[in-house]
C-alpha atoms as a PDB file:
ATOM      1  CA  UNK A   1      51.662  34.709  73.994  1.00  0.00           C
ATOM      2  CA  UNK A   2      51.866  32.567  70.940  1.00  0.00           C
ATOM      3  CA  UNK A   3      50.759  29.492  72.885  1.00  0.00           C
ATOM      4  CA  UNK A   4      47.333  29.716  71.244  1.00  0.00           C
ATOM      5  CA  UNK A   5      48.595  30.054  67.677  1.00  0.00           C
ATOM      6  CA  UNK A   6      49.201  26.550  66.463  1.00  0.00           C
ATOM      7  CA  UNK A   7      46.850  24.368  68.474  1.00  0.00           C
ATOM      8  CA  UNK A   8      43.777  24.955  66.334  1.00  0.00           C
ATOM      9  CA  UNK A   9      45.546  23.659  63.233  1.00  0.00           C
ATOM     10  CA  UNK A  10      45.833  20.164  64.742  1.00  0.00           C
ATOM     11  CA  UNK A  11      42.270  19.854  65.988  1.00  0.00           C
ATOM     12  CA  UNK A  12      41.182  17.468  63.265  1.00  0.00           C
ATOM     13  CA  UNK A  13      43.767  14.891  64.390  1.00  0.00           C
ATOM     14  CA  UNK A  14      42.830  14.640  68.074  1.00  0.00           C
ATOM     15  CA  UNK A  15      39.444  14.579  69.774  1.00  0.00           C
ATOM     16  CA  UNK A  16      39.364  17.712  71.919  1.00  0.00           C
ATOM     17  CA  UNK A  17      36.745  19.999  73.415  1.00  0.00           C
ATOM     18  CA  UNK A  18      35.008  22.065  70.744  1.00  0.00           C
ATOM     19  CA  UNK A  19      36.181  25.267  72.393  1.00  0.00           C
ATOM     20  CA  UNK A  20      39.779  24.331  71.573  1.00  0.00           C
ATOM     21  CA  UNK A  21      39.181  23.962  67.836  1.00  0.00           C
ATOM     22  CA  UNK A  22      38.910  26.429  64.970  1.00  0.00           C
ATOM     23  CA  UNK A  23      38.742  29.549  67.126  1.00  0.00           C
ATOM     24  CA  UNK A  24      39.077  32.207  64.473  1.00  0.00           C
ATOM     25  CA  UNK A  25      38.512  34.885  67.074  1.00  0.00           C
ATOM     26  CA  UNK A  26      41.593  33.993  69.148  1.00  0.00           C
ATOM     27  CA  UNK A  27      44.010  35.902  66.907  1.00  0.00           C
ATOM     28  CA  UNK A  28      41.684  38.896  67.100  1.00  0.00           C
ATOM     29  CA  UNK A  29      41.677  38.717  70.902  1.00  0.00           C
ATOM     30  CA  UNK A  30      45.451  38.504  71.033  1.00  0.00           C
ATOM     31  CA  UNK A  31      45.639  41.452  68.651  1.00  0.00           C
ATOM     32  CA  UNK A  32      43.488  43.571  70.954  1.00  0.00           C
ATOM     33  CA  UNK A  33      45.527  42.416  73.929  1.00  0.00           C
ATOM     34  CA  UNK A  34      48.913  43.228  72.420  1.00  0.00           C
ATOM     35  CA  UNK A  35      47.774  46.725  71.374  1.00  0.00           C
ATOM     36  CA  UNK A  36      46.761  47.352  74.998  1.00  0.00           C
ATOM     37  CA  UNK A  37      50.096  45.970  76.245  1.00  0.00           C
ATOM     38  CA  UNK A  38      52.079  48.298  73.980  1.00  0.00           C
ATOM     39  CA  UNK A  39      49.920  51.318  74.812  1.00  0.00           C
ATOM     40  CA  UNK A  40      50.186  50.603  78.551  1.00  0.00           C
ATOM     41  CA  UNK A  41      53.972  50.449  78.414  1.00  0.00           C
ATOM     42  CA  UNK A  42      54.166  53.609  76.302  1.00  0.00           C
ATOM     43  CA  UNK A  43      51.896  55.338  78.830  1.00  0.00           C
ATOM     44  CA  UNK A  44      54.078  54.340  81.771  1.00  0.00           C
ATOM     45  CA  UNK A  45      57.216  55.345  79.835  1.00  0.00           C
ATOM     46  CA  UNK A  46      55.791  58.808  79.227  1.00  0.00           C
ATOM     47  CA  UNK A  47      55.029  59.170  82.918  1.00  0.00           C
ATOM     48  CA  UNK A  48      58.485  58.002  84.004  1.00  0.00           C
ATOM     49  CA  UNK A  49      60.079  60.391  81.510  1.00  0.00           C
ATOM     50  CA  UNK A  50      58.525  63.289  83.440  1.00  0.00           C
ATOM     51  CA  UNK A  51      56.274  64.590  80.681  1.00  0.00           C
ATOM     52  CA  UNK A  52      53.214  66.574  81.730  1.00  0.00           C
ATOM     53  CA  UNK A  53      50.641  63.802  82.009  1.00  0.00           C
ATOM     54  CA  UNK A  54      47.277  64.407  83.679  1.00  0.00           C
ATOM     55  CA  UNK A  55      47.264  62.267  86.866  1.00  0.00           C
ATOM     56  CA  UNK A  56      43.580  61.379  86.607  1.00  0.00           C
ATOM     57  CA  UNK A  57      43.885  60.327  82.970  1.00  0.00           C
ATOM     58  CA  UNK A  58      46.887  58.185  83.807  1.00  0.00           C
ATOM     59  CA  UNK A  59      45.273  56.543  86.828  1.00  0.00           C
ATOM     60  CA  UNK A  60      41.961  55.672  85.165  1.00  0.00           C
ATOM     61  CA  UNK A  61      43.579  54.512  81.931  1.00  0.00           C
ATOM     62  CA  UNK A  62      46.180  52.466  83.762  1.00  0.00           C
ATOM     63  CA  UNK A  63      43.597  50.854  86.050  1.00  0.00           C
ATOM     64  CA  UNK A  64      41.311  49.966  83.142  1.00  0.00           C
ATOM     65  CA  UNK A  65      44.029  48.430  80.943  1.00  0.00           C
ATOM     66  CA  UNK A  66      45.940  46.581  83.630  1.00  0.00           C
ATOM     67  CA  UNK A  67      42.812  45.151  85.185  1.00  0.00           C
ATOM     68  CA  UNK A  68      42.390  42.597  82.390  1.00  0.00           C
ATOM     69  CA  UNK A  69      44.870  42.618  79.495  1.00  0.00           C
ATOM     70  CA  UNK A  70      47.371  40.217  81.113  1.00  0.00           C
ATOM     71  CA  UNK A  71      44.639  37.907  82.528  1.00  0.00           C
ATOM     72  CA  UNK A  72      43.297  37.822  78.955  1.00  0.00           C
ATOM     73  CA  UNK A  73      46.507  36.229  77.668  1.00  0.00           C
ATOM     74  CA  UNK A  74      46.574  33.645  80.455  1.00  0.00           C
ATOM     75  CA  UNK A  75      42.973  32.757  79.663  1.00  0.00           C
ATOM     76  CA  UNK A  76      43.737  32.398  75.947  1.00  0.00           C
ATOM     77  CA  UNK A  77      46.708  30.165  76.725  1.00  0.00           C
ATOM     78  CA  UNK A  78      44.551  28.038  78.995  1.00  0.00           C
ATOM     79  CA  UNK A  79      41.997  27.527  76.227  1.00  0.00           C
ATOM     80  CA  UNK A  80      44.339  25.193  74.379  1.00  0.00           C
ATOM     81  CA  UNK A  81      45.939  23.517  77.359  1.00  0.00           C
ATOM     82  CA  UNK A  82      43.567  20.486  77.377  1.00  0.00           C
ATOM     83  CA  UNK A  83      44.380  19.934  73.705  1.00  0.00           C
ATOM     84  CA  UNK A  84      48.142  20.072  74.352  1.00  0.00           C
ATOM     85  CA  UNK A  85      47.821  17.859  77.430  1.00  0.00           C
ATOM     86  CA  UNK A  86      45.881  15.213  75.529  1.00  0.00           C
ATOM     87  CA  UNK A  87      48.389  15.183  72.659  1.00  0.00           C
ATOM     88  CA  UNK A  88      51.622  15.382  74.629  1.00  0.00           C
ATOM     89  CA  UNK A  89      51.223  14.732  78.329  1.00  0.00           C
ATOM     90  CA  UNK A  90      53.349  16.320  81.040  1.00  0.00           C
ATOM     91  CA  UNK A  91      56.782  15.746  79.507  1.00  0.00           C
ATOM     92  CA  UNK A  92      55.783  16.814  76.003  1.00  0.00           C
ATOM     93  CA  UNK A  93      53.983  19.969  77.143  1.00  0.00           C
ATOM     94  CA  UNK A  94      56.877  21.122  79.304  1.00  0.00           C
ATOM     95  CA  UNK A  95      59.491  20.416  76.634  1.00  0.00           C
ATOM     96  CA  UNK A  96      57.441  22.457  74.173  1.00  0.00           C
ATOM     97  CA  UNK A  97      57.320  25.317  76.695  1.00  0.00           C
ATOM     98  CA  UNK A  98      61.094  25.265  77.006  1.00  0.00           C
ATOM     99  CA  UNK A  99      61.155  25.881  73.253  1.00  0.00           C
ATOM    100  CA  UNK A 100      58.412  28.499  73.130  1.00  0.00           C
ATOM    101  CA  UNK A 101      58.786  30.264  76.490  1.00  0.00           C
ATOM    102  CA  UNK A 102      62.152  29.609  78.142  1.00  0.00           C
ATOM    103  CA  UNK A 103      64.239  30.040  74.984  1.00  0.00           C
ATOM    104  CA  UNK A 104      62.883  33.483  73.955  1.00  0.00           C
ATOM    105  CA  UNK A 105      62.789  34.552  77.611  1.00  0.00           C
ATOM    106  CA  UNK A 106      66.496  33.894  78.164  1.00  0.00           C
ATOM    107  CA  UNK A 107      67.623  35.142  74.752  1.00  0.00           C
ATOM    108  CA  UNK A 108      65.719  38.418  74.779  1.00  0.00           C
ATOM    109  CA  UNK A 109      66.299  39.120  78.478  1.00  0.00           C
ATOM    110  CA  UNK A 110      70.022  39.028  77.686  1.00  0.00           C
ATOM    111  CA  UNK A 111      69.821  40.947  74.400  1.00  0.00           C
ATOM    112  CA  UNK A 112      67.660  43.750  75.750  1.00  0.00           C
ATOM    113  CA  UNK A 113      69.512  43.761  79.063  1.00  0.00           C
ATOM    114  CA  UNK A 114      72.901  44.286  77.406  1.00  0.00           C
ATOM    115  CA  UNK A 115      71.439  47.034  75.242  1.00  0.00           C
ATOM    116  CA  UNK A 116      69.987  48.791  78.293  1.00  0.00           C
ATOM    117  CA  UNK A 117      73.310  48.543  80.137  1.00  0.00           C
ATOM    118  CA  UNK A 118      74.986  50.247  77.174  1.00  0.00           C
ATOM    119  CA  UNK A 119      72.255  52.926  77.051  1.00  0.00           C
ATOM    120  CA  UNK A 120      71.830  53.411  80.812  1.00  0.00           C
ATOM    121  CA  UNK A 121      72.444  57.147  80.689  1.00  0.00           C
ATOM    122  CA  UNK A 122      69.559  57.651  78.236  1.00  0.00           C
ATOM    123  CA  UNK A 123      66.751  55.442  79.626  1.00  0.00           C
ATOM    124  CA  UNK A 124      64.222  55.874  82.447  1.00  0.00           C
ATOM    125  CA  UNK A 125      65.507  52.936  84.539  1.00  0.00           C
ATOM    126  CA  UNK A 126      69.285  52.334  84.310  1.00  0.00           C
ATOM    127  CA  UNK A 127      70.254  48.646  84.338  1.00  0.00           C
ATOM    128  CA  UNK A 128      73.317  46.859  85.719  1.00  0.00           C
ATOM    129  CA  UNK A 129      74.906  43.634  84.505  1.00  0.00           C
ATOM    130  CA  UNK A 130      74.003  42.020  87.833  1.00  0.00           C
ATOM    131  CA  UNK A 131      70.335  42.685  87.160  1.00  0.00           C
ATOM    132  CA  UNK A 132      70.634  41.243  83.663  1.00  0.00           C
ATOM    133  CA  UNK A 133      72.214  38.000  84.886  1.00  0.00           C
ATOM    134  CA  UNK A 134      69.602  37.524  87.644  1.00  0.00           C
ATOM    135  CA  UNK A 135      67.040  36.481  85.015  1.00  0.00           C
ATOM    136  CA  UNK A 136      66.653  32.916  86.347  1.00  0.00           C
ATOM    137  CA  UNK A 137      65.211  34.078  89.680  1.00  0.00           C
ATOM    138  CA  UNK A 138      64.262  37.697  89.017  1.00  0.00           C
ATOM    139  CA  UNK A 139      62.555  38.344  85.656  1.00  0.00           C
ATOM    140  CA  UNK A 140      62.842  41.901  84.427  1.00  0.00           C
ATOM    141  CA  UNK A 141      60.420  44.231  82.713  1.00  0.00           C
ATOM    142  CA  UNK A 142      57.981  42.710  80.221  1.00  0.00           C
ATOM    143  CA  UNK A 143      59.807  39.368  80.137  1.00  0.00           C
ATOM    144  CA  UNK A 144      58.191  38.421  83.441  1.00  0.00           C
ATOM    145  CA  UNK A 145      55.151  37.264  81.454  1.00  0.00           C
ATOM    146  CA  UNK A 146      57.038  34.424  79.730  1.00  0.00           C
ATOM    147  CA  UNK A 147      58.591  33.467  83.073  1.00  0.00           C
ATOM    148  CA  UNK A 148      55.194  33.461  84.771  1.00  0.00           C
ATOM    149  CA  UNK A 149      53.457  31.558  81.984  1.00  0.00           C
ATOM    150  CA  UNK A 150      56.087  28.806  82.085  1.00  0.00           C
ATOM    151  CA  UNK A 151      55.516  28.228  85.801  1.00  0.00           C
ATOM    152  CA  UNK A 152      51.743  28.378  85.342  1.00  0.00           C
ATOM    153  CA  UNK A 153      52.075  25.635  82.716  1.00  0.00           C
ATOM    154  CA  UNK A 154      54.297  23.627  85.046  1.00  0.00           C
ATOM    155  CA  UNK A 155      51.833  23.837  87.938  1.00  0.00           C
ATOM    156  CA  UNK A 156      48.856  23.067  85.681  1.00  0.00           C
ATOM    157  CA  UNK A 157      50.640  20.008  84.264  1.00  0.00           C
ATOM    158  CA  UNK A 158      51.466  18.682  87.715  1.00  0.00           C
ATOM    159  CA  UNK A 159      47.895  19.207  88.895  1.00  0.00           C
ATOM    160  CA  UNK A 160      46.423  17.563  85.797  1.00  0.00           C
ATOM    161  CA  UNK A 161      48.740  14.594  86.332  1.00  0.00           C
ATOM    162  CA  UNK A 162      47.450  14.123  89.881  1.00  0.00           C
ATOM    163  CA  UNK A 163      43.703  14.640  89.462  1.00  0.00           C
ATOM    164  CA  UNK A 164      41.435  12.559  87.205  1.00  0.00           C
ATOM    165  CA  UNK A 165      39.430  14.499  84.576  1.00  0.00           C
ATOM    166  CA  UNK A 166      36.144  14.371  86.483  1.00  0.00           C
ATOM    167  CA  UNK A 167      37.691  16.189  89.466  1.00  0.00           C
ATOM    168  CA  UNK A 168      39.672  18.871  87.682  1.00  0.00           C
ATOM    169  CA  UNK A 169      36.969  21.458  88.290  1.00  0.00           C
ATOM    170  CA  UNK A 170      38.314  21.482  91.858  1.00  0.00           C
ATOM    171  CA  UNK A 171      41.498  23.068  90.543  1.00  0.00           C
ATOM    172  CA  UNK A 172      39.650  26.217  89.522  1.00  0.00           C
ATOM    173  CA  UNK A 173      38.069  26.506  92.971  1.00  0.00           C
ATOM    174  CA  UNK A 174      41.482  26.070  94.583  1.00  0.00           C
ATOM    175  CA  UNK A 175      42.982  28.670  92.227  1.00  0.00           C
ATOM    176  CA  UNK A 176      40.345  31.217  93.267  1.00  0.00           C
ATOM    177  CA  UNK A 177      41.164  30.585  96.932  1.00  0.00           C
ATOM    178  CA  UNK A 178      44.873  30.811  96.099  1.00  0.00           C
ATOM    179  CA  UNK A 179      44.210  34.169  94.448  1.00  0.00           C
ATOM    180  CA  UNK A 180      42.478  35.620  97.495  1.00  0.00           C
ATOM    181  CA  UNK A 181      45.305  34.498  99.793  1.00  0.00           C
ATOM    182  CA  UNK A 182      48.119  35.448  97.424  1.00  0.00           C
ATOM    183  CA  UNK A 183      49.401  38.153  99.788  1.00  0.00           C
ATOM    184  CA  UNK A 184      50.622  35.392 102.099  1.00  0.00           C
ATOM    185  CA  UNK A 185      52.667  33.441  99.563  1.00  0.00           C
ATOM    186  CA  UNK A 186      56.469  33.819  99.363  1.00  0.00           C
ATOM    187  CA  UNK A 187      57.625  36.662  97.141  1.00  0.00           C
ATOM    188  CA  UNK A 188      59.423  34.264  94.808  1.00  0.00           C
ATOM    189  CA  UNK A 189      58.353  34.998  91.222  1.00  0.00           C
ATOM    190  CA  UNK A 190      57.879  31.283  90.488  1.00  0.00           C
ATOM    191  CA  UNK A 191      55.154  31.165  93.173  1.00  0.00           C
ATOM    192  CA  UNK A 192      53.924  34.756  93.290  1.00  0.00           C
ATOM    193  CA  UNK A 193      52.982  34.988  89.611  1.00  0.00           C
ATOM    194  CA  UNK A 194      50.986  31.727  89.548  1.00  0.00           C
ATOM    195  CA  UNK A 195      49.136  32.960  92.644  1.00  0.00           C
ATOM    196  CA  UNK A 196      47.961  35.920  90.567  1.00  0.00           C
ATOM    197  CA  UNK A 197      47.325  34.285  87.209  1.00  0.00           C
ATOM    198  CA  UNK A 198      46.743  30.530  87.531  1.00  0.00           C
ATOM    199  CA  UNK A 199      43.029  31.199  88.049  1.00  0.00           C
ATOM    200  CA  UNK A 200      42.678  32.750  84.575  1.00  0.00           C
ATOM    201  CA  UNK A 201      44.659  29.991  82.875  1.00  0.00           C
ATOM    202  CA  UNK A 202      42.480  27.311  84.485  1.00  0.00           C
ATOM    203  CA  UNK A 203      39.339  29.272  83.609  1.00  0.00           C
ATOM    204  CA  UNK A 204      40.342  29.012  79.962  1.00  0.00           C
ATOM    205  CA  UNK A 205      41.151  25.330  80.333  1.00  0.00           C
ATOM    206  CA  UNK A 206      38.067  24.241  82.280  1.00  0.00           C
ATOM    207  CA  UNK A 207      35.162  26.580  81.486  1.00  0.00           C
ATOM    208  CA  UNK A 208      34.557  25.300  77.970  1.00  0.00           C
ATOM    209  CA  UNK A 209      30.778  25.588  78.017  1.00  0.00           C
ATOM    210  CA  UNK A 210      30.910  29.150  79.340  1.00  0.00           C
ATOM    211  CA  UNK A 211      33.273  30.170  76.551  1.00  0.00           C
ATOM    212  CA  UNK A 212      31.056  28.502  73.965  1.00  0.00           C
ATOM    213  CA  UNK A 213      28.011  30.380  75.266  1.00  0.00           C
ATOM    214  CA  UNK A 214      29.820  33.715  75.051  1.00  0.00           C
ATOM    215  CA  UNK A 215      31.154  33.139  71.540  1.00  0.00           C
ATOM    216  CA  UNK A 216      27.760  31.915  70.329  1.00  0.00           C
ATOM    217  CA  UNK A 217      25.988  35.152  71.354  1.00  0.00           C
ATOM    218  CA  UNK A 218      28.649  37.865  71.457  1.00  0.00           C
ATOM    219  CA  UNK A 219      26.315  40.858  71.207  1.00  0.00           C
ATOM    220  CA  UNK A 220      24.184  39.781  74.148  1.00  0.00           C
ATOM    221  CA  UNK A 221      27.193  39.081  76.369  1.00  0.00           C
ATOM    222  CA  UNK A 222      29.060  42.201  75.278  1.00  0.00           C
ATOM    223  CA  UNK A 223      26.507  44.566  76.829  1.00  0.00           C
ATOM    224  CA  UNK A 224      26.672  42.708  80.147  1.00  0.00           C
ATOM    225  CA  UNK A 225      30.459  42.549  80.067  1.00  0.00           C
ATOM    226  CA  UNK A 226      30.835  46.286  79.424  1.00  0.00           C
ATOM    227  CA  UNK A 227      28.463  47.162  82.273  1.00  0.00           C
ATOM    228  CA  UNK A 228      30.163  44.819  84.750  1.00  0.00           C
ATOM    229  CA  UNK A 229      33.643  45.916  83.672  1.00  0.00           C
ATOM    230  CA  UNK A 230      32.791  49.599  84.098  1.00  0.00           C
ATOM    231  CA  UNK A 231      31.286  49.021  87.536  1.00  0.00           C
ATOM    232  CA  UNK A 232      34.129  46.786  88.722  1.00  0.00           C
ATOM    233  CA  UNK A 233      36.774  49.224  87.470  1.00  0.00           C
ATOM    234  CA  UNK A 234      35.139  52.124  89.299  1.00  0.00           C
ATOM    235  CA  UNK A 235      34.887  50.000  92.462  1.00  0.00           C
ATOM    236  CA  UNK A 236      38.531  48.905  92.270  1.00  0.00           C
ATOM    237  CA  UNK A 237      39.630  52.495  91.619  1.00  0.00           C
ATOM    238  CA  UNK A 238      37.670  53.768  94.618  1.00  0.00           C
ATOM    239  CA  UNK A 239      38.966  51.027  96.904  1.00  0.00           C
ATOM    240  CA  UNK A 240      42.529  51.743  95.826  1.00  0.00           C
ATOM    241  CA  UNK A 241      42.073  55.320  97.054  1.00  0.00           C
ATOM    242  CA  UNK A 242      40.658  54.293 100.437  1.00  0.00           C
ATOM    243  CA  UNK A 243      42.808  51.299 101.371  1.00  0.00           C
ATOM    244  CA  UNK A 244      46.490  51.884 102.226  1.00  0.00           C
ATOM    245  CA  UNK A 245      48.826  50.810  99.440  1.00  0.00           C
ATOM    246  CA  UNK A 246      50.053  47.228  99.801  1.00  0.00           C
ATOM    247  CA  UNK A 247      47.405  46.248 102.355  1.00  0.00           C
ATOM    248  CA  UNK A 248      45.560  43.031 101.528  1.00  0.00           C
ATOM    249  CA  UNK A 249      41.821  43.518 101.197  1.00  0.00           C
ATOM    250  CA  UNK A 250      39.261  40.899 100.059  1.00  0.00           C
ATOM    251  CA  UNK A 251      37.092  43.573  98.417  1.00  0.00           C
ATOM    252  CA  UNK A 252      40.002  44.775  96.284  1.00  0.00           C
ATOM    253  CA  UNK A 253      40.768  41.181  95.300  1.00  0.00           C
ATOM    254  CA  UNK A 254      37.127  40.574  94.396  1.00  0.00           C
ATOM    255  CA  UNK A 255      36.979  43.811  92.396  1.00  0.00           C
ATOM    256  CA  UNK A 256      40.181  42.980  90.543  1.00  0.00           C
ATOM    257  CA  UNK A 257      38.975  39.459  89.759  1.00  0.00           C
ATOM    258  CA  UNK A 258      35.618  40.754  88.546  1.00  0.00           C
ATOM    259  CA  UNK A 259      37.289  43.399  86.360  1.00  0.00           C
ATOM    260  CA  UNK A 260      39.580  40.791  84.822  1.00  0.00           C
ATOM    261  CA  UNK A 261      36.728  38.383  84.093  1.00  0.00           C
ATOM    262  CA  UNK A 262      34.471  41.087  82.637  1.00  0.00           C
ATOM    263  CA  UNK A 263      37.305  42.647  80.618  1.00  0.00           C
ATOM    264  CA  UNK A 264      38.248  39.253  79.203  1.00  0.00           C
ATOM    265  CA  UNK A 265      34.615  38.523  78.335  1.00  0.00           C
ATOM    266  CA  UNK A 266      34.327  41.938  76.693  1.00  0.00           C
ATOM    267  CA  UNK A 267      37.423  41.263  74.571  1.00  0.00           C
ATOM    268  CA  UNK A 268      36.191  37.812  73.566  1.00  0.00           C
ATOM    269  CA  UNK A 269      32.880  39.268  72.387  1.00  0.00           C
ATOM    270  CA  UNK A 270      34.578  42.025  70.398  1.00  0.00           C
ATOM    271  CA  UNK A 271      36.974  39.482  68.912  1.00  0.00           C
ATOM    272  CA  UNK A 272      34.162  37.233  67.711  1.00  0.00           C
ATOM    273  CA  UNK A 273      32.469  40.209  66.065  1.00  0.00           C
ATOM    274  CA  UNK A 274      35.737  41.236  64.395  1.00  0.00           C
ATOM    275  CA  UNK A 275      36.318  37.673  63.195  1.00  0.00           C
ATOM    276  CA  UNK A 276      32.881  37.471  61.609  1.00  0.00           C
ATOM    277  CA  UNK A 277      33.757  40.594  59.622  1.00  0.00           C
ATOM    278  CA  UNK A 278      37.139  39.250  58.584  1.00  0.00           C
ATOM    279  CA  UNK A 279      39.185  42.096  60.091  1.00  0.00           C
ATOM    280  CA  UNK A 280      42.700  41.186  59.016  1.00  0.00           C
ATOM    281  CA  UNK A 281      44.919  43.756  60.719  1.00  0.00           C
ATOM    282  CA  UNK A 282      43.976  42.851  64.283  1.00  0.00           C
ATOM    283  CA  UNK A 283      44.298  39.149  63.505  1.00  0.00           C
ATOM    284  CA  UNK A 284      47.767  39.742  62.054  1.00  0.00           C
ATOM    285  CA  UNK A 285      48.806  41.580  65.204  1.00  0.00           C
ATOM    286  CA  UNK A 286      47.543  38.629  67.206  1.00  0.00           C
ATOM    287  CA  UNK A 287      49.573  36.144  65.188  1.00  0.00           C
ATOM    288  CA  UNK A 288      52.681  38.244  65.819  1.00  0.00           C
ATOM    289  CA  UNK A 289      51.903  38.997  69.465  1.00  0.00           C
ATOM    290  CA  UNK A 290      54.992  37.209  70.810  1.00  0.00           C
ATOM    291  CA  UNK A 291      57.385  39.102  68.550  1.00  0.00           C
ATOM    292  CA  UNK A 292      55.686  42.429  69.283  1.00  0.00           C
ATOM    293  CA  UNK A 293      55.772  41.686  72.992  1.00  0.00           C
ATOM    294  CA  UNK A 294      59.486  40.935  72.982  1.00  0.00           C
ATOM    295  CA  UNK A 295      60.512  43.971  70.930  1.00  0.00           C
ATOM    296  CA  UNK A 296      58.011  46.739  71.605  1.00  0.00           C
ATOM    297  CA  UNK A 297      59.656  48.351  74.641  1.00  0.00           C
ATOM    298  CA  UNK A 298      62.951  48.770  72.813  1.00  0.00           C
ATOM    299  CA  UNK A 299      61.228  50.312  69.779  1.00  0.00           C
ATOM    300  CA  UNK A 300      58.914  52.560  71.790  1.00  0.00           C
ATOM    301  CA  UNK A 301      61.723  53.614  74.130  1.00  0.00           C
ATOM    302  CA  UNK A 302      63.948  54.585  71.200  1.00  0.00           C
ATOM    303  CA  UNK A 303      61.143  56.700  69.748  1.00  0.00           C
ATOM    304  CA  UNK A 304      60.536  58.429  73.080  1.00  0.00           C
ATOM    305  CA  UNK A 305      64.243  59.282  73.427  1.00  0.00           C
ATOM    306  CA  UNK A 306      64.369  60.585  69.861  1.00  0.00           C
ATOM    307  CA  UNK A 307      61.252  62.709  70.277  1.00  0.00           C
ATOM    308  CA  UNK A 308      62.422  64.272  73.547  1.00  0.00           C
ATOM    309  CA  UNK A 309      66.177  64.618  73.121  1.00  0.00           C
ATOM    310  CA  UNK A 310      66.558  65.070  69.381  1.00  0.00           C
ATOM    311  CA  UNK A 311      63.338  66.802  68.359  1.00  0.00           C
ATOM    312  CA  UNK A 312      62.336  68.446  71.634  1.00  0.00           C
ATOM    313  CA  UNK A 313      58.783  67.082  71.413  1.00  0.00           C
ATOM    314  CA  UNK A 314      56.955  66.967  74.770  1.00  0.00           C
ATOM    315  CA  UNK A 315      53.370  66.529  73.564  1.00  0.00           C
ATOM    316  CA  UNK A 316      51.843  63.648  75.520  1.00  0.00           C
ATOM    317  CA  UNK A 317      49.198  62.746  72.876  1.00  0.00           C
ATOM    318  CA  UNK A 318      51.894  62.654  70.191  1.00  0.00           C
ATOM    319  CA  UNK A 319      54.137  60.474  72.336  1.00  0.00           C
ATOM    320  CA  UNK A 320      51.282  58.068  73.031  1.00  0.00           C
ATOM    321  CA  UNK A 321      50.258  57.867  69.383  1.00  0.00           C
ATOM    322  CA  UNK A 322      53.729  57.604  67.829  1.00  0.00           C
ATOM    323  CA  UNK A 323      55.128  55.402  70.578  1.00  0.00           C
ATOM    324  CA  UNK A 324      52.287  52.893  70.273  1.00  0.00           C
ATOM    325  CA  UNK A 325      52.388  52.887  66.467  1.00  0.00           C
ATOM    326  CA  UNK A 326      56.152  52.344  66.323  1.00  0.00           C
ATOM    327  CA  UNK A 327      56.043  49.849  69.196  1.00  0.00           C
ATOM    328  CA  UNK A 328      53.731  47.722  67.040  1.00  0.00           C
ATOM    329  CA  UNK A 329      55.072  48.416  63.557  1.00  0.00           C
ATOM    330  CA  UNK A 330      58.824  48.173  64.205  1.00  0.00           C
ATOM    331  CA  UNK A 331      58.720  44.559  65.473  1.00  0.00           C
ATOM    332  CA  UNK A 332      56.592  43.572  62.477  1.00  0.00           C
ATOM    333  CA  UNK A 333      59.113  45.109  60.082  1.00  0.00           C
ATOM    334  CA  UNK A 334      61.948  43.408  61.972  1.00  0.00           C
ATOM    335  CA  UNK A 335      60.257  40.013  61.677  1.00  0.00           C
ATOM    336  CA  UNK A 336      59.594  40.606  57.975  1.00  0.00           C
ATOM    337  CA  UNK A 337      63.299  41.306  57.412  1.00  0.00           C
ATOM    338  CA  UNK A 338      64.317  38.218  59.392  1.00  0.00           C
ATOM    339  CA  UNK A 339      62.062  36.063  57.257  1.00  0.00           C
ATOM    340  CA  UNK A 340      63.248  37.678  54.037  1.00  0.00           C
ATOM    341  CA  UNK A 341      66.897  37.202  54.964  1.00  0.00           C
ATOM    342  CA  UNK A 342      66.171  33.717  56.372  1.00  0.00           C
ATOM    343  CA  UNK A 343      67.673  34.415  59.808  1.00  0.00           C
ATOM    344  CA  UNK A 344      66.346  31.790  62.282  1.00  0.00           C
ATOM    345  CA  UNK A 345      66.588  31.347  66.015  1.00  0.00           C
ATOM    346  CA  UNK A 346      65.551  34.718  67.423  1.00  0.00           C
ATOM    347  CA  UNK A 347      62.074  33.757  68.629  1.00  0.00           C
ATOM    348  CA  UNK A 348      62.306  29.961  68.817  1.00  0.00           C
ATOM    349  CA  UNK A 349      65.168  27.478  68.601  1.00  0.00           C
ATOM    350  CA  UNK A 350      66.157  26.414  65.091  1.00  0.00           C
ATOM    351  CA  UNK A 351      64.200  23.246  64.166  1.00  0.00           C
ATOM    352  CA  UNK A 352      67.118  20.863  64.717  1.00  0.00           C
ATOM    353  CA  UNK A 353      67.590  22.156  68.282  1.00  0.00           C
ATOM    354  CA  UNK A 354      63.941  22.103  69.341  1.00  0.00           C
ATOM    355  CA  UNK A 355      63.119  19.758  72.189  1.00  0.00           C
ATOM    356  CA  UNK A 356      59.530  19.325  71.021  1.00  0.00           C
ATOM    357  CA  UNK A 357      59.145  20.323  67.359  1.00  0.00           C
ATOM    358  CA  UNK A 358      55.795  21.778  66.348  1.00  0.00           C
ATOM    359  CA  UNK A 359      54.008  20.254  63.338  1.00  0.00           C
ATOM    360  CA  UNK A 360      53.660  22.680  60.455  1.00  0.00           C
ATOM    361  CA  UNK A 361      50.740  25.050  60.837  1.00  0.00           C
ATOM    362  CA  UNK A 362      47.902  24.485  58.381  1.00  0.00           C
END
């Protein structure tokens, strides 16, 4: 999730598309996205814990959030891919992703996995050591995103290496087709996840002029995005009730794709408006989105256990509010303490072990 953090600071050194430079709104967008990620996981945790949660509220909220918040992050990562490709090429980009994606994925999959094994009797989904050590072919829980993003980068790099710049628009067309036929791909995570999300990554990488138009007139595009998102979400919700679960349906795919595009556009517009007003909190959350993402389930889960088993609190609104707040705040406090105590290596390799060191951020 932090793939978009540092690229803008190097824009003055390399000629890149304007959309990949000085995007003050990107941190805002990531901040909105990470709040939705934390809230969505707290919501599902409350449901799995057996608390009295209104089914309609859960279904509509879940459908709305999950229709676009993960595509949003793939799109934001794709925004800076042309910049990284131009600076580093295939080898450099992939080495940097080993540092920024593979390293935290492996480290935190093991750390959280061992903790969950030790706490199996207290959590919603007990974990075995076998499940923890299957991380190379079976990503668990929220860590699947880092796994998926690495393979999306790998596929994008290979495709960019094959096609000349003037023909790369064909990749987006192929990704849309791939998305509609994703039900037929092997259920291997390294293929299945790119089938779902490569289209959004390439949209960020290739649709520069569209992004510029949206960010130039955020109020005008926001109204359209909200209307389309609401309509697409209602359509997808209705189709989900009428089509048997797991059955492939082109209308559901089209509705999901439209919801993701409109939700991403809506977030971009809101982010530009927040950036123009200098809203600092959301931008700070965006800059720490990776750390929050890696730690929030542990923090929110601990709060849920404490509220239920120690305090006897079963109020769903209170669980949602406190769980989301702690899921965001606890990782930020943890990172602050790490920096104060100068403890490196928990979110990226120490500088001397990095395969592709990042220049200092301006």
